[in-house]
Amino acid sequence: MEQAANASVPIASRDERTARLIGCDGVERLKRARVAVFGLGGVGSSCAEALARAGVGTLVLIDRDEVEESNINRQALAFYSTIGRRKAEVMAAMVRDIAPDTHVVAHDAFVTEDRVGEFVDDDVEYIVDAVDTVTTKLALAAYADAHGIAYVGSMGAANKRCPEALRFADIYETQTCPLCRAVRKQARKRGIGRMRVLYSSEQPIAVAAAQGAARRERTELGTLSFMPPIMGQMIAGDVIKSIVGIQ
């Protein structure tokens, strides 16, 4: 056990550097926090990793997919050794290895509007939306809005190359991003009052679909190794700062 310079009580060595910046009170707030991360792809897996390293006490992890070779270029949980395994299972194991004291609840599930409440109980104080499906994003934002739960969502990282163009905003204040446009339109129709998102103001790069590929293969979408992880880390930072009271 070591003691942080600004702490009055001993803390674990793994939390010592964190406590230098947020104090023991901040470390304790993180330990009491309960965060749900929906989607464990490039953004969500990096976000969950950072939340675990920060010492968030409970992580609820939800994803319906398995690791594929094509995930390796951007996802924190993707290795050749994890190909074919369920993402929720792999992420849960990673979190337990990083932070054995963190309580992990993993769901291998597809989230529909009528099922959000199955994964978010009264103790969840933050929802991280890192899913790709517009209807699920809207369902998560609407649930958070109706139940007074803090929410932050990830918009598109595909076909983007400039992390300096990333910024946080309410969905109604976004511009340029095609996914934001689609979500914004539906959010208005549903009467969602607020929806904090991380988005890129960069114009997406035009990528031609592979000849003969089916539309569901989405071969017109490309992703660089650094973009989704940077977004995940930024969202984790946003959540952590909110929990410990950093403006």
Protein backbone atom coordinates (compact mmCIF):
# COMPACT_ATOMS: atom_id res chain seq x y z
CA MET A 1 0.00 0.00 0.00
CA GLU A 2 1.17 3.54 -0.81
CA GLN A 3 -0.15 6.92 0.17
CA ALA A 4 -0.84 9.64 -2.38
CA ALA A 5 0.60 13.11 -1.77
CA ASN A 6 -2.86 14.67 -1.40
CA ALA A 7 -4.46 11.71 0.38
CA SER A 8 -5.18 11.26 4.06
CA VAL A 9 -5.73 7.49 3.91
CA PRO A 10 -3.70 4.70 2.31
CA ILE A 11 -4.71 3.59 -1.17
CA ALA A 12 -3.74 0.67 -3.37
CA SER A 13 -0.56 1.14 -5.40
CA ARG A 14 -2.53 0.72 -8.65
CA ASP A 15 -4.63 3.80 -7.77
CA GLU A 16 -1.79 5.96 -6.46
CA ARG A 17 -1.17 7.93 -9.67
CA THR A 18 -4.89 8.43 -10.20
CA ALA A 19 -5.27 9.76 -6.66
CA ARG A 20 -2.58 12.37 -7.26
CA LEU A 21 -4.97 14.08 -9.66
CA ILE A 22 -8.40 13.41 -8.18
CA GLY A 23 -7.64 12.65 -4.53
CA CYS A 24 -8.78 9.70 -2.47
CA ASP A 25 -12.33 11.04 -2.55
CA GLY A 26 -12.28 10.82 -6.34
CA VAL A 27 -10.92 7.29 -6.24
CA GLU A 28 -13.68 6.29 -3.83
CA ARG A 29 -16.33 7.87 -6.08
CA LEU A 30 -15.07 5.79 -8.98
CA LYS A 31 -15.16 2.65 -6.86
CA ARG A 32 -18.81 3.32 -6.03
CA ALA A 33 -19.71 4.09 -9.65
CA ARG A 34 -21.75 1.75 -11.84
CA VAL A 35 -21.39 2.26 -15.61
CA ALA A 36 -23.04 0.33 -18.44
CA VAL A 37 -21.15 0.10 -21.74
CA PHE A 38 -23.32 -0.90 -24.70
CA GLY A 39 -21.25 -2.13 -27.64
CA LEU A 40 -17.72 -3.52 -27.30
CA GLY A 41 -16.27 -2.73 -30.69
CA GLY A 42 -13.45 -0.28 -31.36
CA VAL A 43 -14.93 2.52 -29.26
CA GLY A 44 -16.63 0.50 -26.55
CA SER A 45 -13.77 -1.91 -25.81
CA SER A 46 -11.23 0.91 -25.39
CA CYS A 47 -13.71 2.83 -23.25
CA ALA A 48 -14.36 -0.18 -21.01
CA GLU A 49 -10.62 -0.79 -20.66
CA ALA A 50 -9.99 2.81 -19.57
CA LEU A 51 -12.89 2.73 -17.10
CA ALA A 52 -11.48 -0.46 -15.58
CA ARG A 53 -7.99 1.03 -15.29
CA ALA A 54 -9.47 4.09 -13.60
CA GLY A 55 -11.05 1.86 -10.95
CA VAL A 56 -14.76 2.09 -11.77
CA GLY A 57 -16.37 -0.28 -9.27
CA THR A 58 -19.02 -1.91 -11.44
CA LEU A 59 -19.04 -2.34 -15.20
CA VAL A 60 -22.03 -3.72 -17.09
CA LEU A 61 -20.85 -4.89 -20.52
CA ILE A 62 -23.25 -5.62 -23.36
CA ASP A 63 -22.48 -6.90 -26.87
CA ARG A 64 -23.97 -9.54 -29.15
CA ASP A 65 -21.02 -10.32 -31.43
CA GLU A 66 -17.96 -12.52 -31.50
CA VAL A 67 -14.40 -11.42 -32.24
CA GLU A 68 -13.46 -11.58 -35.92
CA GLU A 69 -10.10 -11.19 -37.64
CA SER A 70 -11.25 -7.91 -39.19
CA ASN A 71 -11.62 -6.46 -35.67
CA ILE A 72 -7.89 -6.67 -34.96
CA ASN A 73 -7.05 -3.33 -36.57
CA ARG A 74 -8.98 -1.30 -33.98
CA GLN A 75 -10.56 -3.22 -31.08
CA ALA A 76 -8.87 -3.55 -27.67
CA LEU A 77 -10.20 -7.08 -27.18
CA ALA A 78 -9.28 -8.40 -30.61
CA PHE A 79 -6.28 -10.74 -30.87
CA TYR A 80 -5.72 -13.88 -32.89
CA SER A 81 -6.12 -15.75 -29.62
CA THR A 82 -9.64 -14.32 -29.09
CA ILE A 83 -11.06 -14.82 -32.60
CA GLY A 84 -14.35 -16.70 -32.40
CA ARG A 85 -14.96 -15.88 -28.73
CA ARG A 86 -17.87 -13.72 -27.60
CA LYS A 87 -16.90 -10.10 -27.11
CA ALA A 88 -18.74 -9.72 -23.81
CA GLU A 89 -16.90 -12.74 -22.42
CA VAL A 90 -13.49 -11.52 -23.66
CA MET A 91 -14.01 -7.98 -22.35
CA ALA A 92 -15.16 -9.26 -18.97
CA ALA A 93 -12.00 -11.38 -18.67
CA MET A 94 -9.84 -8.38 -19.61
CA VAL A 95 -11.50 -6.19 -16.98
CA ARG A 96 -11.04 -8.85 -14.29
CA ASP A 97 -7.37 -9.14 -15.20
CA ILE A 98 -6.89 -5.35 -15.07
CA ALA A 99 -9.01 -4.73 -11.97
CA PRO A 100 -9.87 -7.87 -9.97
CA ASP A 101 -11.95 -5.83 -7.52
CA THR A 102 -14.24 -4.48 -10.23
CA HIS A 103 -17.64 -6.16 -10.32
CA VAL A 104 -18.32 -7.19 -13.92
CA VAL A 105 -21.72 -8.04 -15.33
CA ALA A 106 -21.48 -9.31 -18.92
CA HIS A 107 -24.40 -9.77 -21.30
CA ASP A 108 -24.07 -11.53 -24.65
CA ALA A 109 -27.22 -9.94 -26.06
CA PHE A 110 -28.74 -7.76 -28.74
CA VAL A 111 -30.41 -4.70 -27.23
CA THR A 112 -33.83 -3.68 -28.52
CA GLU A 113 -35.94 -0.79 -27.27
CA ASP A 114 -38.10 -2.96 -25.06
CA ARG A 115 -35.07 -4.63 -23.44
CA VAL A 116 -32.99 -1.66 -22.28
CA GLY A 117 -34.33 -1.99 -18.74
CA GLU A 118 -33.02 -5.56 -18.55
CA PHE A 119 -29.45 -4.24 -18.57
CA VAL A 120 -29.81 -0.92 -16.74
CA ASP A 121 -30.99 -1.16 -13.15
CA ASP A 122 -31.62 1.65 -10.67
CA ASP A 123 -27.98 1.73 -9.58
CA VAL A 124 -26.51 2.42 -13.03
CA GLU A 125 -25.52 6.07 -13.10
CA TYR A 126 -23.99 6.27 -16.56
CA ILE A 127 -24.80 4.77 -19.95
CA VAL A 128 -22.07 4.64 -22.59
CA ASP A 129 -23.57 4.08 -26.04
CA ALA A 130 -20.99 2.61 -28.42
CA VAL A 131 -23.42 0.69 -30.62
CA ASP A 132 -23.81 1.09 -34.38
CA THR A 133 -27.57 0.78 -34.75
CA VAL A 134 -29.51 4.06 -34.85
CA THR A 135 -32.66 2.59 -33.29
CA THR A 136 -30.66 1.21 -30.35
CA LYS A 137 -28.87 4.53 -29.87
CA LEU A 138 -32.22 6.29 -29.70
CA ALA A 139 -33.59 3.69 -27.30
CA LEU A 140 -30.63 4.12 -24.95
CA ALA A 141 -30.79 7.91 -25.09
CA ALA A 142 -34.56 7.93 -24.53
CA TYR A 143 -34.25 5.56 -21.56
CA ALA A 144 -31.49 7.66 -20.02
CA ASP A 145 -33.49 10.86 -20.58
CA ALA A 146 -36.63 9.37 -19.01
CA HIS A 147 -34.83 7.88 -15.98
CA GLY A 148 -32.39 10.69 -15.21
CA ILE A 149 -29.32 8.61 -16.08
CA ALA A 150 -26.26 10.31 -17.52
CA TYR A 151 -25.64 9.33 -21.14
CA VAL A 152 -22.88 9.80 -23.68
CA GLY A 153 -22.93 8.28 -27.15
CA SER A 154 -20.37 7.65 -29.85
CA MET A 155 -21.07 8.75 -33.38
CA GLY A 156 -19.30 7.45 -36.48
CA ALA A 157 -15.55 6.72 -36.64
CA ALA A 158 -15.66 5.07 -40.07
CA ASN A 159 -13.96 6.84 -42.98
CA LYS A 160 -12.43 9.45 -40.62
CA ARG A 161 -8.71 10.20 -40.27
CA CYS A 162 -8.40 13.29 -38.05
CA PRO A 163 -8.82 12.82 -34.29
CA GLU A 164 -8.34 16.55 -33.80
CA ALA A 165 -11.81 17.00 -35.34
CA LEU A 166 -13.48 15.05 -32.50
CA ARG A 167 -15.64 17.02 -30.07
CA PHE A 168 -18.44 16.62 -27.55
CA ALA A 169 -21.78 18.28 -28.19
CA ASP A 170 -25.49 17.83 -27.80
CA ILE A 171 -26.83 15.93 -30.80
CA TYR A 172 -28.86 19.01 -31.81
CA GLU A 173 -25.66 21.05 -32.11
CA THR A 174 -23.72 18.60 -34.31
CA GLN A 175 -22.79 19.16 -37.92
CA THR A 176 -21.16 17.37 -40.87
CA CYS A 177 -21.46 13.80 -39.50
CA PRO A 178 -23.96 11.70 -41.53
CA LEU A 179 -24.75 9.46 -38.55
CA CYS A 180 -25.45 12.51 -36.39
CA ARG A 181 -27.85 13.77 -39.03
CA ALA A 182 -29.81 10.51 -39.01
CA VAL A 183 -29.87 10.29 -35.21
CA ARG A 184 -30.77 13.98 -34.82
CA LYS A 185 -33.78 13.63 -37.11
CA GLN A 186 -35.16 10.64 -35.23
CA ALA A 187 -34.35 12.13 -31.81
CA ARG A 188 -36.52 15.14 -32.63
CA LYS A 189 -39.38 12.88 -33.69
CA ARG A 190 -39.13 10.97 -30.42
CA GLY A 191 -38.97 14.09 -28.31
CA ILE A 192 -35.59 13.27 -26.78
CA GLY A 193 -34.63 16.40 -24.90
CA ARG A 194 -30.87 15.95 -24.71
CA MET A 195 -28.28 13.57 -26.05
CA ARG A 196 -24.59 14.14 -25.36
CA VAL A 197 -22.39 12.69 -28.10
CA LEU A 198 -18.81 12.54 -29.25
CA TYR A 199 -18.65 13.17 -32.98
CA SER A 200 -16.24 14.21 -35.72
CA SER A 201 -16.71 17.38 -37.74
CA GLU A 202 -14.44 15.93 -40.42
CA GLN A 203 -15.98 15.21 -43.78
CA PRO A 204 -15.90 11.40 -44.21
CA ILE A 205 -13.59 10.00 -46.87
CA ALA A 206 -15.46 8.54 -49.84
CA VAL A 207 -14.71 4.82 -50.16
CA ALA A 208 -16.08 2.76 -53.03
CA ALA A 209 -17.83 -0.49 -52.15
CA ALA A 210 -16.04 -3.62 -53.29
CA GLN A 211 -17.32 -4.87 -56.63
CA GLY A 212 -19.91 -7.58 -56.18
CA ALA A 213 -20.12 -7.17 -52.40
CA ALA A 214 -23.52 -7.29 -50.75
CA ARG A 215 -24.61 -4.07 -49.03
CA ARG A 216 -24.71 -5.80 -45.63
CA GLU A 217 -20.95 -6.39 -45.93
CA ARG A 218 -20.42 -2.58 -45.64
CA THR A 219 -17.23 -2.66 -47.71
CA GLU A 220 -17.55 1.10 -48.24
CA LEU A 221 -16.59 1.67 -44.58
CA GLY A 222 -12.95 1.84 -43.59
CA THR A 223 -11.44 2.46 -40.16
CA LEU A 224 -7.93 3.42 -39.05
CA SER A 225 -6.43 1.79 -35.99
CA PHE A 226 -6.34 4.93 -33.87
CA MET A 227 -9.74 6.55 -34.43
CA PRO A 228 -12.13 4.26 -32.49
CA PRO A 229 -9.72 3.80 -29.55
CA ILE A 230 -9.20 7.56 -29.25
CA MET A 231 -12.97 8.02 -29.21
CA GLY A 232 -13.32 5.32 -26.56
CA GLN A 233 -10.65 6.92 -24.40
CA MET A 234 -12.25 10.35 -24.77
CA ILE A 235 -15.63 8.99 -23.74
CA ALA A 236 -14.07 7.23 -20.75
CA GLY A 237 -12.47 10.52 -19.78
CA ASP A 238 -15.80 12.30 -20.07
CA VAL A 239 -17.46 9.72 -17.81
CA ILE A 240 -14.64 9.72 -15.26
CA LYS A 241 -14.54 13.51 -15.01
CA SER A 242 -18.30 13.62 -14.58
CA ILE A 243 -18.26 11.01 -11.81
CA VAL A 244 -15.50 12.77 -9.82
CA GLY A 245 -16.89 16.25 -10.46
CA ILE A 246 -14.32 17.71 -12.87
CA GLN A 247 -15.89 20.33 -15.13
